[in-house]
Protein backbone atom coordinates (compact mmCIF):
# COMPACT_ATOMS: atom_id res chain seq x y z
CA MET A 1 14.83 29.41 34.43
CA CYS A 2 18.18 31.33 34.79
CA TYR A 3 18.96 34.88 34.39
CA LYS A 4 22.39 35.26 36.40
CA THR A 5 24.89 33.89 33.87
CA CYS A 6 26.27 37.46 33.51
CA MET A 7 26.09 37.89 37.14
CA ARG A 8 28.49 34.43 37.87
CA THR A 9 30.71 35.30 35.23
CA SER A 10 31.52 38.89 36.39
CA THR A 11 31.89 37.17 40.05
CA LEU A 12 34.03 33.84 38.88
CA LEU A 13 36.60 36.67 36.89
CA ALA A 14 36.87 38.97 40.11
CA VAL A 15 38.11 35.91 42.09
CA ALA A 16 40.42 34.92 39.04
CA CYS A 17 42.04 38.66 39.08
CA CYS A 18 42.15 38.62 43.44
CA LEU A 19 43.57 35.22 42.91
CA GLY A 20 46.47 36.10 40.48
CA MET A 21 45.77 33.57 37.62
CA SER A 22 46.40 35.24 34.43
CA SER A 23 44.53 35.65 31.32
CA THR A 24 46.05 32.77 29.44
CA VAL A 25 44.90 29.94 32.35
CA ALA A 26 41.65 31.80 31.64
CA GLN A 27 41.10 31.69 28.66
CA GLN A 28 42.14 27.82 28.37
CA ILE A 29 38.93 27.13 30.42
CA VAL A 30 36.97 28.54 28.33
CA PRO A 31 35.56 25.72 25.59
CA ALA A 32 35.78 26.63 22.34
CA GLU A 33 32.34 27.60 20.33
CA PRO A 34 31.17 24.84 17.73
CA THR A 35 31.08 25.17 14.56
CA VAL A 36 27.75 25.34 13.02
CA THR A 37 28.06 23.47 9.08
CA ALA A 38 24.25 23.79 7.96
CA PHE A 39 20.48 25.12 9.51
CA GLU A 40 17.48 25.93 8.06
CA CYS A 41 16.64 30.12 7.95
CA PRO A 42 13.97 30.99 10.36
CA GLU A 43 11.15 32.76 9.30
CA TYR A 44 9.61 35.67 11.93
CA PRO A 45 6.14 33.98 13.43
CA ALA A 46 3.69 35.68 10.97
CA LEU A 47 1.33 36.16 13.97
CA ALA A 48 3.95 38.60 16.14
CA ALA A 49 4.77 39.85 12.93
CA SER A 50 0.99 40.89 11.93
CA ASN A 51 1.12 42.40 16.12
CA ARG A 52 4.32 43.88 15.53
CA LEU A 53 5.55 41.70 18.57
CA GLN A 54 9.24 42.21 18.93
CA GLY A 55 11.66 40.76 21.81
CA VAL A 56 14.86 38.63 22.51
CA VAL A 57 14.75 35.06 23.13
CA LYS A 58 17.87 32.85 24.85
CA LEU A 59 18.33 29.17 24.56
CA ARG A 60 21.02 27.27 26.13
CA VAL A 61 21.73 24.88 23.79
CA THR A 62 23.94 21.21 24.90
CA THR A 63 25.35 18.89 22.16
CA ASP A 64 27.34 15.67 22.40
CA GLY A 65 30.03 16.50 19.56
CA HIS A 66 27.92 16.33 16.71
CA HIS A 67 23.83 17.23 17.56
CA ALA A 68 22.20 19.25 19.71
CA VAL A 69 20.89 17.39 22.50
CA ASP A 70 19.18 19.05 24.77
CA VAL A 71 17.83 22.73 24.48
CA LYS A 72 16.11 24.83 26.89
CA LEU A 73 14.81 27.93 26.79
CA LEU A 74 16.19 31.01 29.50
CA SER A 75 13.78 33.71 28.31
CA GLY A 76 11.68 35.05 25.81
CA HIS A 77 8.27 35.58 24.82
CA PRO A 78 6.04 32.40 24.46
CA MET A 79 5.13 34.23 20.74
CA LEU A 80 8.50 34.29 19.74
CA ALA A 81 10.64 31.27 21.40
CA PRO A 82 9.11 28.21 19.83
CA THR A 83 10.58 29.78 16.17
CA ALA A 84 14.29 30.01 17.69
CA TYR A 85 13.66 27.01 19.83
CA HIS A 86 12.50 24.96 16.58
CA ASN A 87 15.36 26.68 14.47
CA VAL A 88 18.16 25.76 16.29
CA GLN A 89 17.05 22.18 16.62
CA THR A 90 18.16 22.04 12.78
CA TRP A 91 21.83 23.07 13.47
CA LYS A 92 24.44 20.83 11.98
CA PHE A 93 27.40 20.94 13.89
CA ALA A 94 31.15 20.12 12.64
CA ASP A 95 33.01 17.48 14.91
CA HIS A 96 33.52 19.05 18.18
CA PRO A 97 34.18 18.16 22.19
CA PRO A 98 30.48 18.33 23.55
CA THR A 99 29.91 21.62 25.06
CA THR A 100 27.10 24.28 25.96
CA PHE A 101 26.89 27.26 24.73
CA VAL A 102 23.83 29.95 24.70
CA VAL A 103 22.30 31.78 21.47
CA THR A 104 20.45 34.62 21.24
CA TYR A 105 17.98 35.26 18.98
CA TYR A 106 17.07 38.93 18.27
CA PHE A 107 12.95 39.48 16.43
CA VAL A 108 13.01 43.16 15.10
CA ASN A 109 10.71 45.16 13.52
CA GLU A 110 12.47 47.13 11.11
CA SER A 111 11.73 48.73 7.62
CA SER A 112 15.07 47.17 6.50
CA ARG A 113 17.48 45.10 7.03
CA ASP A 114 20.57 43.24 4.92
CA SER A 115 20.35 39.61 4.49
CA ASP A 116 23.01 37.53 4.95
CA SER A 117 24.01 36.57 1.12
CA ALA A 118 26.99 34.73 2.36
CA ALA A 119 24.70 31.96 3.87
CA LYS A 120 22.11 32.61 1.62
CA CYS A 121 19.65 33.55 4.33
CA ALA A 122 17.35 36.52 4.88
CA ALA A 123 18.21 36.33 8.53
CA LYS A 124 21.53 37.48 9.67
CA MET A 125 23.06 33.95 11.56
CA GLU A 126 26.00 35.20 13.29
CA LEU A 127 26.55 31.73 14.58
CA PRO A 128 26.59 29.69 16.90
CA THR A 129 25.28 32.61 19.32
CA LYS A 130 23.08 35.46 17.55
CA VAL A 131 20.34 35.37 14.83
CA THR A 132 18.93 38.31 14.19
CA VAL A 133 15.54 37.64 12.64
CA SER A 134 13.42 41.23 10.64
CA THR A 135 9.46 41.18 9.75
CA LYS A 136 11.33 42.68 6.54
CA LEU A 137 13.10 40.16 4.40
CA GLY A 138 14.80 40.79 1.39
CA GLY A 139 14.33 38.36 -1.74
CA PRO A 140 12.04 35.25 -2.32
CA GLN A 141 11.15 34.25 1.49
CA SER A 142 10.09 38.17 1.44
CA GLU A 143 7.81 37.08 -1.42
CA ARG A 144 6.75 33.56 0.19
CA THR A 145 6.09 35.37 3.94
CA ASN A 146 3.56 38.21 2.19
CA ALA A 147 1.79 35.84 -0.08
CA PRO A 148 -1.33 34.89 0.58
CA ALA A 149 -1.80 31.63 1.93
CA SER A 150 -2.89 28.44 -0.41
CA TRP A 151 -4.03 25.84 2.00
CA LYS A 152 -4.03 22.52 1.06
CA GLU A 153 -4.33 18.90 3.07
CA TYR A 154 -1.28 17.31 3.50
CA THR A 155 -0.56 13.48 4.54
CA TYR A 156 1.85 11.62 7.05
CA PRO A 157 1.33 7.90 7.04
CA ALA A 158 3.88 7.31 9.35
CA ASP A 159 2.24 9.33 12.40
CA ASN A 160 -1.68 8.26 10.25
CA PHE A 161 -2.78 11.58 10.13
CA ALA A 162 -4.10 14.24 7.44
CA VAL A 163 -4.45 18.00 7.84
CA SER A 164 -4.90 21.19 5.93
CA LEU A 165 -2.02 23.63 6.56
CA PRO A 166 -2.02 26.87 4.71
CA ALA A 167 2.00 26.05 3.81
CA ALA A 168 3.87 22.85 4.30
CA PRO A 169 5.46 22.34 7.93
CA ASN A 170 8.98 20.94 8.37
CA PRO A 171 8.21 17.41 10.12
CA HIS A 172 11.05 17.30 13.03
CA LYS A 173 12.07 15.48 16.12
CA ASP A 174 11.62 17.65 19.51
CA ALA A 175 15.02 17.49 20.98
CA GLN A 176 13.45 18.63 24.11
CA PHE A 177 12.31 15.32 24.77
CA PRO A 178 15.06 13.13 23.44
CA ASP A 179 14.16 9.80 24.58
CA VAL A 180 10.10 10.51 23.08
CA ASN A 181 9.17 8.96 19.55
CA MET A 182 7.29 12.41 18.88
CA THR A 183 7.36 14.99 15.24
CA VAL A 184 6.42 18.21 15.31
CA TYR A 185 4.69 20.34 13.14
CA THR A 186 3.70 23.61 12.33
CA SER A 187 1.83 25.94 10.16
CA GLY A 188 0.37 28.84 10.78
CA GLY A 189 0.84 29.83 14.26
CA VAL A 190 -0.24 26.47 15.06
CA THR A 191 2.07 23.47 16.33
CA LEU A 192 0.80 20.08 16.18
CA ARG A 193 3.38 17.28 18.17
CA ALA A 194 2.21 13.18 16.96
CA GLU A 195 3.64 11.61 20.17
CA ASP A 196 3.92 7.52 20.06
CA ALA A 197 2.65 5.84 23.45
CA PRO A 198 3.18 2.45 23.64
CA HIS A 199 1.18 1.66 27.26
CA GLY A 200 -1.45 4.00 25.58
CA CYS A 201 -2.30 7.45 26.07
CA ASP A 202 -5.71 7.70 28.03
CA SER A 203 -4.31 8.17 31.08
CA ALA A 204 -2.33 11.21 29.78
CA ILE A 205 -5.59 12.90 29.19
CA SER A 206 -7.42 11.19 32.34
CA ASP A 207 -4.48 12.45 34.78
CA GLN A 208 -4.26 16.49 32.28
CA LEU A 209 -8.49 16.25 33.26
CA LYS A 210 -7.93 15.29 36.39
CA MET A 211 -5.27 18.76 37.21
CA LEU A 212 -7.20 21.23 35.43
CA GLU A 213 -10.55 19.82 37.68
CA GLU A 214 -8.27 20.55 40.87
CA PHE A 215 -7.83 24.17 39.58
CA LYS A 216 -11.53 24.52 38.91
CA SER A 217 -12.75 23.52 42.34
CA GLY A 218 -10.13 25.42 44.01
CA ARG A 219 -8.08 22.38 45.47
CA SER A 220 -4.94 23.34 43.54
CA ARG A 221 -3.43 26.30 42.11
CA PRO A 222 -0.45 27.37 39.95
CA SER A 223 2.99 26.73 41.65
CA VAL A 224 4.75 29.81 43.22
CA ALA A 225 7.25 28.96 40.93
CA GLN A 226 5.13 29.34 37.72
CA PRO A 227 2.81 31.89 38.79
CA GLN A 228 2.49 33.09 35.01
CA PHE A 229 -0.11 30.49 34.05
CA GLN A 230 -3.61 31.28 34.72
CA LEU A 231 -6.11 28.81 33.52
CA ASN A 232 -9.25 30.09 31.40
CA LEU A 233 -11.67 27.63 33.56
CA SER A 234 -14.67 28.21 31.32
CA SER A 235 -12.64 27.13 28.21
CA VAL A 236 -11.82 23.53 29.26
CA ARG A 237 -13.96 20.97 27.14
CA GLN A 238 -13.64 17.22 27.05
CA GLY A 239 -15.39 14.86 25.18
CA SER A 240 -14.78 11.80 22.23
CA VAL A 241 -14.26 11.96 18.29
CA GLU A 242 -15.57 8.52 16.64
CA GLY A 243 -14.58 6.93 20.86
CA ARG A 244 -11.53 8.53 21.27
CA PRO A 245 -11.02 10.72 24.18
CA PHE A 246 -9.77 14.52 23.68
CA LEU A 247 -9.39 17.26 26.14
CA GLU A 248 -9.24 21.13 25.06
CA PHE A 249 -8.27 23.89 27.28
CA GLU A 250 -6.97 27.70 26.95
CA GLN A 251 -4.49 29.19 30.05
CA THR A 252 -2.81 33.11 29.67
CA VAL A 253 0.83 33.17 29.97
CA GLN A 254 2.69 36.09 31.97
CA ALA A 255 -0.57 38.15 31.81
CA SER A 256 -0.41 38.60 27.85
CA THR A 257 -0.40 35.87 26.17
CA ASN A 258 -3.74 33.17 25.77
CA ASP A 259 -1.96 29.67 25.32
CA TYR A 260 -4.04 26.99 23.86
CA GLU A 261 -3.94 23.23 24.22
CA ARG A 262 -6.12 20.29 22.84
CA TRP A 263 -5.07 16.41 23.47
CA TYR A 264 -6.62 13.77 21.33
CA CYS A 265 -5.41 10.28 22.27
CA VAL A 266 -6.02 7.87 19.01
CA GLY A 267 -4.80 4.27 21.04
CA ARG A 268 -1.00 4.46 21.21
CA LYS A 269 -0.43 7.66 19.17
CA LEU A 270 -0.91 11.31 21.78
CA TYR A 271 -1.66 14.01 19.34
CA VAL A 272 -1.15 17.75 21.22
CA PHE A 273 -2.24 20.80 19.24
CA SER A 274 -0.88 23.84 20.37
CA ALA A 275 -1.28 27.50 19.36
CA ALA A 276 -0.50 31.30 21.37
CA TRP A 277 -2.09 34.68 20.62
CA PRO A 278 -2.37 38.17 22.37
CA VAL A 279 -4.50 38.77 25.22
CA GLY A 280 -7.49 40.66 24.34
CA GLN A 281 -7.58 39.53 20.85
CA ALA A 282 -9.36 36.53 18.80
CA ARG A 283 -8.22 32.98 18.26
CA PRO A 284 -6.01 33.10 15.20
CA GLU A 285 -8.86 32.50 11.82
CA SER A 286 -6.35 29.66 11.17
CA LEU A 287 -6.56 27.33 14.82
CA GLU A 288 -9.93 26.71 14.13
CA ARG A 289 -9.94 25.88 10.50
CA ILE A 290 -6.84 23.09 11.22
CA VAL A 291 -7.90 21.37 14.21
CA ARG A 292 -11.28 20.61 12.84
CA SER A 293 -9.49 19.12 9.19
CA PHE A 294 -7.52 16.68 11.42
CA ARG A 295 -8.07 13.09 9.81
CA LEU A 296 -6.95 9.85 10.85
CA LEU A 297 -5.76 7.67 7.85
CA ASN A 298 -6.10 4.51 9.46
CA LYS A 299 -9.45 4.35 11.66
């Protein structure tokens, strides 16, 4: 992660002044921000809203002149970051020279906030550098957010599964892994990633299990670079469903958030469930229901 962008910018400007560089020259080296032509309207994460969690998420976005080809999380709470991360991947741009820019998402608990009527979005979209999402949204989107969940089974033949969800997800590719054939599904605070594994996925689960066993035995510890992750040793479960291996575990992130993962290998397809919730609170009720409802279409 990088938290020194402002410091580096200030330093460069100071050096420019000392060298007598004109403001015109300095402006010439600053690339123009790309124009966003289409996007999906982000909604406040339900779990974060119910816990009155607010915060700021910063992402560094790299484009190829048409689409976002790389998105890096610079900072942000684990319960808010996925919404921002997945939303920016829905953006489409007018043709432009490849560039990199930073966008900041503000998640705020407010009694009211004007919607972006021009963009027909209940969030305030000041693209491409600022997005403000409020827990209080107006119009039809607010009605959808406050309405009781309507559970139903959704089927996805391309990824060979069906699952019961409280709302329809928006399947999309994961720009963080452009070279991997992976589709992301998110609903009810739970994310499912379906990834193609041309050479099989048994080794992915066995490697993950080996790492967890090393943590459990004390032979390995979290790296100094990422001390905020702490494995819940009692949560580690492994087994098989109809002869296919799975691995399930929880970890604490930044001492404030529980992170759940369940890996399930089916031949050349790897399915990974994940969810996050505040430390000290029970698992989301939707998590167990969603995970247990998962079934394969063709066995």
